[in-house]
């Protein structure tokens, strides 16, 4: 099965736009400075390769110890609409690689 997801390498978020919810994001290619506006429902942040919590500790997300964010099998936190990428979860949590449509949760 093929995914319609597009990965934008060398791009950074310039602006997030919307009213009561996120509607669009303006990204730019950090090599050419070319801007692109995308219609989105959510923005996921990649904060680097080191699992340093930084300001995330103040967001009210439940923690597992001092280094990991608590998630369920769908990678949801205790905050509605907030999901976690693998860097911040306990390595003992089972992750199923592949497209989400290939796995029943």
PDB file of N, CA and C in Angstrom:
ATOM      1  N   UNK A   1       0.846  -1.175   0.000  1.00  0.00           N
ATOM      2  CA  UNK A   1       0.000   0.000   0.000  1.00  0.00           C
ATOM      3  C   UNK A   1       0.893   1.241   0.000  1.00  0.00           C
ATOM      4  N   UNK A   2       0.529   2.218  -0.789  1.00  0.00           N
ATOM      5  CA  UNK A   2       1.293   3.447  -0.864  1.00  0.00           C
ATOM      6  C   UNK A   2       0.621   4.523  -0.029  1.00  0.00           C
ATOM      7  N   UNK A   3       1.423   5.342   0.593  1.00  0.00           N
ATOM      8  CA  UNK A   3       0.919   6.449   1.388  1.00  0.00           C
ATOM      9  C   UNK A   3       0.908   7.721   0.550  1.00  0.00           C
ATOM     10  N   UNK A   4      -0.036   8.596   0.798  1.00  0.00           N
ATOM     11  CA  UNK A   4      -0.061   9.882   0.115  1.00  0.00           C
ATOM     12  C   UNK A   4       0.646  10.961   0.928  1.00  0.00           C
ATOM     13  N   UNK A   5       1.363  10.545   1.959  1.00  0.00           N
ATOM     14  CA  UNK A   5       2.087  11.490   2.802  1.00  0.00           C
ATOM     15  C   UNK A   5       3.325  11.991   2.064  1.00  0.00           C
ATOM     16  N   UNK A   6       3.553  13.275   2.172  1.00  0.00           N
ATOM     17  CA  UNK A   6       4.718  13.900   1.557  1.00  0.00           C
ATOM     18  C   UNK A   6       5.698  14.307   2.648  1.00  0.00           C
ATOM     19  N   UNK A   7       6.950  13.900   2.516  1.00  0.00           N
ATOM     20  CA  UNK A   7       7.988  14.279   3.470  1.00  0.00           C
ATOM     21  C   UNK A   7       8.756  15.453   2.893  1.00  0.00           C
ATOM     22  N   UNK A   8       8.832  16.531   3.643  1.00  0.00           N
ATOM     23  CA  UNK A   8       9.504  17.747   3.182  1.00  0.00           C
ATOM     24  C   UNK A   8      10.847  17.877   3.893  1.00  0.00           C
ATOM     25  N   UNK A   9      11.899  17.409   3.243  1.00  0.00           N
ATOM     26  CA  UNK A   9      13.235  17.565   3.799  1.00  0.00           C
ATOM     27  C   UNK A   9      13.702  18.995   3.577  1.00  0.00           C
ATOM     28  N   UNK A  10      14.550  19.491   4.452  1.00  0.00           N
ATOM     29  CA  UNK A  10      15.122  20.830   4.363  1.00  0.00           C
ATOM     30  C   UNK A  10      14.064  21.928   4.471  1.00  0.00           C
ATOM     31  N   UNK A  11      12.957  21.652   5.119  1.00  0.00           N
ATOM     32  CA  UNK A  11      11.902  22.646   5.290  1.00  0.00           C
ATOM     33  C   UNK A  11      11.709  22.952   6.774  1.00  0.00           C
ATOM     34  N   UNK A  12      11.295  24.187   7.042  1.00  0.00           N
ATOM     35  CA  UNK A  12      11.026  24.627   8.399  1.00  0.00           C
ATOM     36  C   UNK A  12       9.683  25.349   8.431  1.00  0.00           C
ATOM     37  N   UNK A  13       9.040  25.323   9.608  1.00  0.00           N
ATOM     38  CA  UNK A  13       7.779  26.032   9.777  1.00  0.00           C
ATOM     39  C   UNK A  13       8.076  27.511   9.975  1.00  0.00           C
ATOM     40  N   UNK A  14       7.404  28.350   9.194  1.00  0.00           N
ATOM     41  CA  UNK A  14       7.545  29.796   9.339  1.00  0.00           C
ATOM     42  C   UNK A  14       6.364  30.383  10.114  1.00  0.00           C
ATOM     43  N   UNK A  15       5.140  29.939   9.785  1.00  0.00           N
ATOM     44  CA  UNK A  15       3.936  30.431  10.446  1.00  0.00           C
ATOM     45  C   UNK A  15       2.897  29.324  10.525  1.00  0.00           C
ATOM     46  N   UNK A  16       2.134  29.332  11.596  1.00  0.00           N
ATOM     47  CA  UNK A  16       0.961  28.476  11.732  1.00  0.00           C
ATOM     48  C   UNK A  16      -0.238  29.408  11.704  1.00  0.00           C
ATOM     49  N   UNK A  17      -1.239  29.086  10.869  1.00  0.00           N
ATOM     50  CA  UNK A  17      -2.381  29.981  10.688  1.00  0.00           C
ATOM     51  C   UNK A  17      -3.680  29.259  10.996  1.00  0.00           C
ATOM     52  N   UNK A  18      -4.661  30.022  11.438  1.00  0.00           N
ATOM     53  CA  UNK A  18      -5.986  29.487  11.706  1.00  0.00           C
ATOM     54  C   UNK A  18      -6.680  30.309  12.756  1.00  0.00           C
ATOM     55  N   UNK A  19      -7.907  29.943  13.036  1.00  0.00           N
ATOM     56  CA  UNK A  19      -8.683  30.621  14.060  1.00  0.00           C
ATOM     57  C   UNK A  19      -8.672  29.827  15.341  1.00  0.00           C
ATOM     58  N   UNK A  20      -9.800  29.172  15.638  1.00  0.00           N
ATOM     59  CA  UNK A  20      -9.907  28.365  16.852  1.00  0.00           C
ATOM     60  C   UNK A  20      -9.107  27.069  16.744  1.00  0.00           C
ATOM     61  N   UNK A  21      -8.758  26.694  15.516  1.00  0.00           N
ATOM     62  CA  UNK A  21      -7.933  25.497  15.312  1.00  0.00           C
ATOM     63  C   UNK A  21      -6.920  25.770  14.202  1.00  0.00           C
ATOM     64  N   UNK A  22      -5.915  24.932  14.120  1.00  0.00           N
ATOM     65  CA  UNK A  22      -4.896  25.073  13.076  1.00  0.00           C
ATOM     66  C   UNK A  22      -5.530  24.752  11.727  1.00  0.00           C
ATOM     67  N   UNK A  23      -5.309  25.618  10.734  1.00  0.00           N
ATOM     68  CA  UNK A  23      -5.863  25.403   9.401  1.00  0.00           C
ATOM     69  C   UNK A  23      -4.785  25.312   8.325  1.00  0.00           C
ATOM     70  N   UNK A  24      -3.742  26.102   8.487  1.00  0.00           N
ATOM     71  CA  UNK A  24      -2.678  26.152   7.480  1.00  0.00           C
ATOM     72  C   UNK A  24      -1.329  26.322   8.179  1.00  0.00           C
ATOM     73  N   UNK A  25      -0.290  25.956   7.436  1.00  0.00           N
ATOM     74  CA  UNK A  25       1.067  26.207   7.905  1.00  0.00           C
ATOM     75  C   UNK A  25       1.868  26.715   6.706  1.00  0.00           C
ATOM     76  N   UNK A  26       2.700  27.713   6.961  1.00  0.00           N
ATOM     77  CA  UNK A  26       3.608  28.216   5.935  1.00  0.00           C
ATOM     78  C   UNK A  26       4.977  27.643   6.249  1.00  0.00           C
ATOM     79  N   UNK A  27       5.531  26.913   5.292  1.00  0.00           N
ATOM     80  CA  UNK A  27       6.866  26.343   5.460  1.00  0.00           C
ATOM     81  C   UNK A  27       7.797  26.987   4.441  1.00  0.00           C
ATOM     82  N   UNK A  28       9.099  26.875   4.701  1.00  0.00           N
ATOM     83  CA  UNK A  28      10.052  27.375   3.715  1.00  0.00           C
ATOM     84  C   UNK A  28      11.211  26.407   3.587  1.00  0.00           C
ATOM     85  N   UNK A  29      11.738  26.327   2.387  1.00  0.00           N
ATOM     86  CA  UNK A  29      12.914  25.514   2.099  1.00  0.00           C
ATOM     87  C   UNK A  29      14.113  26.298   2.623  1.00  0.00           C
ATOM     88  N   UNK A  30      14.827  25.742   3.588  1.00  0.00           N
ATOM     89  CA  UNK A  30      15.920  26.501   4.198  1.00  0.00           C
ATOM     90  C   UNK A  30      17.156  26.601   3.314  1.00  0.00           C
ATOM     91  N   UNK A  31      17.104  26.008   2.117  1.00  0.00           N
ATOM     92  CA  UNK A  31      18.198  26.172   1.151  1.00  0.00           C
ATOM     93  C   UNK A  31      17.894  27.300   0.169  1.00  0.00           C
ATOM     94  N   UNK A  32      16.616  27.417  -0.232  1.00  0.00           N
ATOM     95  CA  UNK A  32      16.235  28.389  -1.265  1.00  0.00           C
ATOM     96  C   UNK A  32      15.380  29.532  -0.728  1.00  0.00           C
ATOM     97  N   UNK A  33      14.862  29.386   0.493  1.00  0.00           N
ATOM     98  CA  UNK A  33      13.936  30.337   1.130  1.00  0.00           C
ATOM     99  C   UNK A  33      12.552  30.362   0.471  1.00  0.00           C
ATOM    100  N   UNK A  34      12.282  29.447  -0.481  1.00  0.00           N
ATOM    101  CA  UNK A  34      10.975  29.389  -1.135  1.00  0.00           C
ATOM    102  C   UNK A  34       9.909  28.972  -0.127  1.00  0.00           C
ATOM    103  N   UNK A  35       8.803  29.720  -0.085  1.00  0.00           N
ATOM    104  CA  UNK A  35       7.713  29.453   0.848  1.00  0.00           C
ATOM    105  C   UNK A  35       6.596  28.666   0.184  1.00  0.00           C
ATOM    106  N   UNK A  36       5.953  27.799   0.987  1.00  0.00           N
ATOM    107  CA  UNK A  36       4.805  27.024   0.539  1.00  0.00           C
ATOM    108  C   UNK A  36       3.764  27.055   1.646  1.00  0.00           C
ATOM    109  N   UNK A  37       2.502  27.250   1.297  1.00  0.00           N
ATOM    110  CA  UNK A  37       1.413  27.202   2.269  1.00  0.00           C
ATOM    111  C   UNK A  37       0.676  25.888   2.101  1.00  0.00           C
ATOM    112  N   UNK A  38       0.483  25.175   3.212  1.00  0.00           N
ATOM    113  CA  UNK A  38      -0.178  23.871   3.192  1.00  0.00           C
ATOM    114  C   UNK A  38      -1.418  23.907   4.075  1.00  0.00           C
ATOM    115  N   UNK A  39      -2.523  23.320   3.620  1.00  0.00           N
ATOM    116  CA  UNK A  39      -3.701  23.120   4.466  1.00  0.00           C
ATOM    117  C   UNK A  39      -3.409  21.921   5.360  1.00  0.00           C
ATOM    118  N   UNK A  40      -3.539  22.097   6.671  1.00  0.00           N
ATOM    119  CA  UNK A  40      -3.213  21.028   7.616  1.00  0.00           C
ATOM    120  C   UNK A  40      -4.247  20.969   8.731  1.00  0.00           C
ATOM    121  N   UNK A  41      -4.284  19.831   9.404  1.00  0.00           N
ATOM    122  CA  UNK A  41      -5.124  19.654  10.587  1.00  0.00           C
ATOM    123  C   UNK A  41      -4.295  19.697  11.860  1.00  0.00           C
ATOM    124  N   UNK A  42      -3.003  19.396  11.730  1.00  0.00           N
ATOM    125  CA  UNK A  42      -2.135  19.299  12.901  1.00  0.00           C
ATOM    126  C   UNK A  42      -0.706  19.607  12.487  1.00  0.00           C
ATOM    127  N   UNK A  43       0.089  20.073  13.431  1.00  0.00           N
ATOM    128  CA  UNK A  43       1.516  20.297  13.208  1.00  0.00           C
ATOM    129  C   UNK A  43       2.276  19.438  14.206  1.00  0.00           C
ATOM    130  N   UNK A  44       3.170  18.590  13.704  1.00  0.00           N
ATOM    131  CA  UNK A  44       4.010  17.759  14.557  1.00  0.00           C
ATOM    132  C   UNK A  44       5.395  18.382  14.624  1.00  0.00           C
ATOM    133  N   UNK A  45       5.957  18.470  15.802  1.00  0.00           N
ATOM    134  CA  UNK A  45       7.262  19.084  15.974  1.00  0.00           C
ATOM    135  C   UNK A  45       8.337  18.033  16.128  1.00  0.00           C
ATOM    136  N   UNK A  46       9.431  18.199  15.425  1.00  0.00           N
ATOM    137  CA  UNK A  46      10.625  17.383  15.620  1.00  0.00           C
ATOM    138  C   UNK A  46      11.619  18.299  16.298  1.00  0.00           C
ATOM    139  N   UNK A  47      11.838  18.065  17.574  1.00  0.00           N
ATOM    140  CA  UNK A  47      12.662  18.972  18.358  1.00  0.00           C
ATOM    141  C   UNK A  47      14.131  18.582  18.382  1.00  0.00           C
ATOM    142  N   UNK A  48      14.528  17.626  17.583  1.00  0.00           N
ATOM    143  CA  UNK A  48      15.933  17.231  17.531  1.00  0.00           C
ATOM    144  C   UNK A  48      16.115  15.752  17.766  1.00  0.00           C
ATOM    145  N   UNK A  49      17.342  15.353  17.833  1.00  0.00           N
ATOM    146  CA  UNK A  49      17.661  13.936  17.985  1.00  0.00           C
ATOM    147  C   UNK A  49      17.854  13.529  19.432  1.00  0.00           C
ATOM    148  N   UNK A  50      18.045  14.467  20.318  1.00  0.00           N
ATOM    149  CA  UNK A  50      18.228  14.170  21.735  1.00  0.00           C
ATOM    150  C   UNK A  50      16.883  14.325  22.438  1.00  0.00           C
ATOM    151  N   UNK A  51      16.526  13.353  23.229  1.00  0.00           N
ATOM    152  CA  UNK A  51      15.250  13.399  23.938  1.00  0.00           C
ATOM    153  C   UNK A  51      15.356  14.308  25.153  1.00  0.00           C
ATOM    154  N   UNK A  52      15.416  15.604  24.919  1.00  0.00           N
ATOM    155  CA  UNK A  52      15.439  16.593  25.989  1.00  0.00           C
ATOM    156  C   UNK A  52      14.064  17.234  26.055  1.00  0.00           C
ATOM    157  N   UNK A  53      13.399  17.145  27.175  1.00  0.00           N
ATOM    158  CA  UNK A  53      12.024  17.609  27.305  1.00  0.00           C
ATOM    159  C   UNK A  53      11.866  19.116  27.105  1.00  0.00           C
ATOM    160  N   UNK A  54      12.775  19.897  27.606  1.00  0.00           N
ATOM    161  CA  UNK A  54      12.656  21.345  27.465  1.00  0.00           C
ATOM    162  C   UNK A  54      11.304  21.841  27.957  1.00  0.00           C
ATOM    163  N   UNK A  55      10.669  22.716  27.184  1.00  0.00           N
ATOM    164  CA  UNK A  55       9.399  23.335  27.573  1.00  0.00           C
ATOM    165  C   UNK A  55       8.247  22.342  27.626  1.00  0.00           C
ATOM    166  N   UNK A  56       8.399  21.182  26.993  1.00  0.00           N
ATOM    167  CA  UNK A  56       7.322  20.188  26.997  1.00  0.00           C
ATOM    168  C   UNK A  56       6.938  19.806  28.427  1.00  0.00           C
ATOM    169  N   UNK A  57       7.878  19.846  29.346  1.00  0.00           N
ATOM    170  CA  UNK A  57       7.597  19.494  30.747  1.00  0.00           C
ATOM    171  C   UNK A  57       6.512  20.376  31.345  1.00  0.00           C
ATOM    172  N   UNK A  58       6.318  21.573  30.806  1.00  0.00           N
ATOM    173  CA  UNK A  58       5.346  22.523  31.352  1.00  0.00           C
ATOM    174  C   UNK A  58       3.994  22.467  30.653  1.00  0.00           C
ATOM    175  N   UNK A  59       3.800  21.563  29.711  1.00  0.00           N
ATOM    176  CA  UNK A  59       2.564  21.512  28.931  1.00  0.00           C
ATOM    177  C   UNK A  59       1.435  20.763  29.638  1.00  0.00           C
ATOM    178  N   UNK A  60       1.756  20.035  30.710  1.00  0.00           N
ATOM    179  CA  UNK A  60       0.723  19.275  31.409  1.00  0.00           C
ATOM    180  C   UNK A  60       0.548  17.858  30.912  1.00  0.00           C
ATOM    181  N   UNK A  61       1.468  17.377  30.085  1.00  0.00           N
ATOM    182  CA  UNK A  61       1.415  15.995  29.605  1.00  0.00           C
ATOM    183  C   UNK A  61       1.935  15.077  30.709  1.00  0.00           C
ATOM    184  N   UNK A  62       1.222  13.974  30.941  1.00  0.00           N
ATOM    185  CA  UNK A  62       1.669  13.010  31.956  1.00  0.00           C
ATOM    186  C   UNK A  62       3.008  12.421  31.548  1.00  0.00           C
ATOM    187  N   UNK A  63       3.901  12.273  32.535  1.00  0.00           N
ATOM    188  CA  UNK A  63       5.235  11.722  32.292  1.00  0.00           C
ATOM    189  C   UNK A  63       5.334  10.311  32.835  1.00  0.00           C
ATOM    190  N   UNK A  64       6.265   9.547  32.269  1.00  0.00           N
ATOM    191  CA  UNK A  64       6.675   8.255  32.819  1.00  0.00           C
ATOM    192  C   UNK A  64       8.104   8.471  33.276  1.00  0.00           C
ATOM    193  N   UNK A  65       8.296   8.694  34.550  1.00  0.00           N
ATOM    194  CA  UNK A  65       9.622   9.030  35.051  1.00  0.00           C
ATOM    195  C   UNK A  65       9.972  10.461  34.658  1.00  0.00           C
ATOM    196  N   UNK A  66      11.239  10.707  34.370  1.00  0.00           N
ATOM    197  CA  UNK A  66      11.672  12.060  34.014  1.00  0.00           C
ATOM    198  C   UNK A  66      12.015  12.214  32.550  1.00  0.00           C
ATOM    199  N   UNK A  67      12.013  11.113  31.793  1.00  0.00           N
ATOM    200  CA  UNK A  67      12.490  11.174  30.416  1.00  0.00           C
ATOM    201  C   UNK A  67      11.448  10.862  29.349  1.00  0.00           C
ATOM    202  N   UNK A  68      10.329  10.254  29.723  1.00  0.00           N
ATOM    203  CA  UNK A  68       9.370   9.811  28.723  1.00  0.00           C
ATOM    204  C   UNK A  68       7.983  10.393  28.965  1.00  0.00           C
ATOM    205  N   UNK A  69       7.249  10.596  27.877  1.00  0.00           N
ATOM    206  CA  UNK A  69       5.868  11.041  27.943  1.00  0.00           C
ATOM    207  C   UNK A  69       4.962   9.820  27.927  1.00  0.00           C
ATOM    208  N   UNK A  70       3.921   9.835  28.737  1.00  0.00           N
ATOM    209  CA  UNK A  70       3.003   8.709  28.825  1.00  0.00           C
ATOM    210  C   UNK A  70       2.019   8.758  27.660  1.00  0.00           C
ATOM    211  N   UNK A  71       1.913   7.641  26.923  1.00  0.00           N
ATOM    212  CA  UNK A  71       0.994   7.539  25.789  1.00  0.00           C
ATOM    213  C   UNK A  71       0.241   6.225  25.847  1.00  0.00           C
ATOM    214  N   UNK A  72      -0.851   6.163  25.081  1.00  0.00           N
ATOM    215  CA  UNK A  72      -1.561   4.897  24.931  1.00  0.00           C
ATOM    216  C   UNK A  72      -1.131   4.246  23.614  1.00  0.00           C
ATOM    217  N   UNK A  73      -1.797   3.184  23.204  1.00  0.00           N
ATOM    218  CA  UNK A  73      -1.408   2.444  21.998  1.00  0.00           C
ATOM    219  C   UNK A  73      -1.554   3.275  20.727  1.00  0.00           C
ATOM    220  N   UNK A  74      -2.331   4.350  20.780  1.00  0.00           N
ATOM    221  CA  UNK A  74      -2.498   5.226  19.613  1.00  0.00           C
ATOM    222  C   UNK A  74      -1.566   6.432  19.667  1.00  0.00           C
ATOM    223  N   UNK A  75      -0.619   6.409  20.587  1.00  0.00           N
ATOM    224  CA  UNK A  75       0.358   7.479  20.775  1.00  0.00           C
ATOM    225  C   UNK A  75      -0.294   8.767  21.280  1.00  0.00           C
ATOM    226  N   UNK A  76      -1.497   8.668  21.882  1.00  0.00           N
ATOM    227  CA  UNK A  76      -2.195   9.823  22.434  1.00  0.00           C
ATOM    228  C   UNK A  76      -1.699  10.091  23.843  1.00  0.00           C
ATOM    229  N   UNK A  77      -1.566  11.359  24.189  1.00  0.00           N
ATOM    230  CA  UNK A  77      -1.237  11.747  25.553  1.00  0.00           C
ATOM    231  C   UNK A  77      -2.531  11.988  26.312  1.00  0.00           C
ATOM    232  N   UNK A  78      -2.419  12.440  27.548  1.00  0.00           N
ATOM    233  CA  UNK A  78      -3.598  12.780  28.335  1.00  0.00           C
ATOM    234  C   UNK A  78      -4.245  14.080  27.866  1.00  0.00           C
ATOM    235  N   UNK A  79      -3.580  14.840  26.990  1.00  0.00           N
ATOM    236  CA  UNK A  79      -4.150  16.078  26.455  1.00  0.00           C
ATOM    237  C   UNK A  79      -4.825  15.780  25.123  1.00  0.00           C
ATOM    238  N   UNK A  80      -6.092  16.129  24.955  1.00  0.00           N
ATOM    239  CA  UNK A  80      -6.808  15.847  23.707  1.00  0.00           C
ATOM    240  C   UNK A  80      -6.087  16.447  22.495  1.00  0.00           C
ATOM    241  N   UNK A  81      -5.890  15.617  21.469  1.00  0.00           N
ATOM    242  CA  UNK A  81      -5.281  16.086  20.227  1.00  0.00           C
ATOM    243  C   UNK A  81      -3.767  16.184  20.249  1.00  0.00           C
ATOM    244  N   UNK A  82      -3.127  15.774  21.356  1.00  0.00           N
ATOM    245  CA  UNK A  82      -1.664  15.832  21.445  1.00  0.00           C
ATOM    246  C   UNK A  82      -1.122  14.411  21.387  1.00  0.00           C
ATOM    247  N   UNK A  83      -0.300  14.158  20.360  1.00  0.00           N
ATOM    248  CA  UNK A  83       0.288  12.841  20.136  1.00  0.00           C
ATOM    249  C   UNK A  83       1.799  12.944  20.291  1.00  0.00           C
ATOM    250  N   UNK A  84       2.463  11.817  20.444  1.00  0.00           N
ATOM    251  CA  UNK A  84       3.901  11.805  20.695  1.00  0.00           C
ATOM    252  C   UNK A  84       4.617  10.960  19.653  1.00  0.00           C
ATOM    253  N   UNK A  85       5.765  11.457  19.198  1.00  0.00           N
ATOM    254  CA  UNK A  85       6.624  10.700  18.281  1.00  0.00           C
ATOM    255  C   UNK A  85       7.547   9.808  19.117  1.00  0.00           C
ATOM    256  N   UNK A  86       8.142   8.841  18.476  1.00  0.00           N
ATOM    257  CA  UNK A  86       8.888   7.780  19.164  1.00  0.00           C
ATOM    258  C   UNK A  86      10.012   8.262  20.072  1.00  0.00           C
ATOM    259  N   UNK A  87      10.634   9.370  19.791  1.00  0.00           N
ATOM    260  CA  UNK A  87      11.761   9.837  20.605  1.00  0.00           C
ATOM    261  C   UNK A  87      11.386   9.986  22.070  1.00  0.00           C
ATOM    262  N   UNK A  88      10.160  10.357  22.349  1.00  0.00           N
ATOM    263  CA  UNK A  88       9.755  10.692  23.705  1.00  0.00           C
ATOM    264  C   UNK A  88       8.955   9.620  24.419  1.00  0.00           C
ATOM    265  N   UNK A  89       8.886   8.406  23.848  1.00  0.00           N
ATOM    266  CA  UNK A  89       8.149   7.353  24.528  1.00  0.00           C
ATOM    267  C   UNK A  89       9.109   6.314  25.089  1.00  0.00           C
ATOM    268  N   UNK A  90       8.641   5.602  26.060  1.00  0.00           N
ATOM    269  CA  UNK A  90       9.421   4.554  26.698  1.00  0.00           C
ATOM    270  C   UNK A  90       9.736   3.470  25.665  1.00  0.00           C
ATOM    271  N   UNK A  91      11.006   3.070  25.531  1.00  0.00           N
ATOM    272  CA  UNK A  91      11.355   2.056  24.538  1.00  0.00           C
ATOM    273  C   UNK A  91      10.689   0.707  24.773  1.00  0.00           C
ATOM    274  N   UNK A  92      10.102   0.494  25.945  1.00  0.00           N
ATOM    275  CA  UNK A  92       9.401  -0.760  26.221  1.00  0.00           C
ATOM    276  C   UNK A  92       8.009  -0.779  25.574  1.00  0.00           C
ATOM    277  N   UNK A  93       7.522   0.386  25.113  1.00  0.00           N
ATOM    278  CA  UNK A  93       6.227   0.464  24.444  1.00  0.00           C
ATOM    279  C   UNK A  93       6.373  -0.124  23.057  1.00  0.00           C
ATOM    280  N   UNK A  94       5.447  -0.985  22.666  1.00  0.00           N
ATOM    281  CA  UNK A  94       5.534  -1.616  21.352  1.00  0.00           C
ATOM    282  C   UNK A  94       5.032  -0.657  20.273  1.00  0.00           C
ATOM    283  N   UNK A  95       5.853  -0.443  19.252  1.00  0.00           N
ATOM    284  CA  UNK A  95       5.494   0.400  18.117  1.00  0.00           C
ATOM    285  C   UNK A  95       5.429  -0.493  16.894  1.00  0.00           C
ATOM    286  N   UNK A  96       4.407  -0.321  16.102  1.00  0.00           N
ATOM    287  CA  UNK A  96       4.235  -1.129  14.913  1.00  0.00           C
ATOM    288  C   UNK A  96       4.575  -0.291  13.693  1.00  0.00           C
ATOM    289  N   UNK A  97       5.735  -0.524  13.058  1.00  0.00           N
ATOM    290  CA  UNK A  97       6.122   0.278  11.903  1.00  0.00           C
ATOM    291  C   UNK A  97       5.227   0.012  10.712  1.00  0.00           C
ATOM    292  N   UNK A  98       5.195   0.944   9.800  1.00  0.00           N
ATOM    293  CA  UNK A  98       4.377   0.812   8.604  1.00  0.00           C
ATOM    294  C   UNK A  98       3.242   1.799   8.620  1.00  0.00           C
ATOM    295  N   UNK A  99       2.449   1.766   7.598  1.00  0.00           N
ATOM    296  CA  UNK A  99       1.326   2.683   7.467  1.00  0.00           C
ATOM    297  C   UNK A  99       0.254   2.315   8.482  1.00  0.00           C
ATOM    298  N   UNK A 100      -0.416   3.309   9.058  1.00  0.00           N
ATOM    299  CA  UNK A 100      -1.402   3.054  10.096  1.00  0.00           C
ATOM    300  C   UNK A 100      -2.555   2.178   9.614  1.00  0.00           C
ATOM    301  N   UNK A 101      -2.836   2.182   8.302  1.00  0.00           N
ATOM    302  CA  UNK A 101      -3.932   1.372   7.795  1.00  0.00           C
ATOM    303  C   UNK A 101      -3.590  -0.115   7.769  1.00  0.00           C
ATOM    304  N   UNK A 102      -2.327  -0.459   8.001  1.00  0.00           N
ATOM    305  CA  UNK A 102      -1.899  -1.854   7.982  1.00  0.00           C
ATOM    306  C   UNK A 102      -2.040  -2.520   9.355  1.00  0.00           C
ATOM    307  N   UNK A 103      -2.429  -1.772  10.384  1.00  0.00           N
ATOM    308  CA  UNK A 103      -2.460  -2.312  11.731  1.00  0.00           C
ATOM    309  C   UNK A 103      -3.768  -1.913  12.411  1.00  0.00           C
ATOM    310  N   UNK A 104      -4.446  -2.866  12.992  1.00  0.00           N
ATOM    311  CA  UNK A 104      -5.629  -2.537  13.787  1.00  0.00           C
ATOM    312  C   UNK A 104      -5.178  -2.200  15.196  1.00  0.00           C
ATOM    313  N   UNK A 105      -5.645  -1.092  15.711  1.00  0.00           N
ATOM    314  CA  UNK A 105      -5.284  -0.683  17.074  1.00  0.00           C
ATOM    315  C   UNK A 105      -6.390  -1.035  18.033  1.00  0.00           C
TER     316      UNK A 105
END
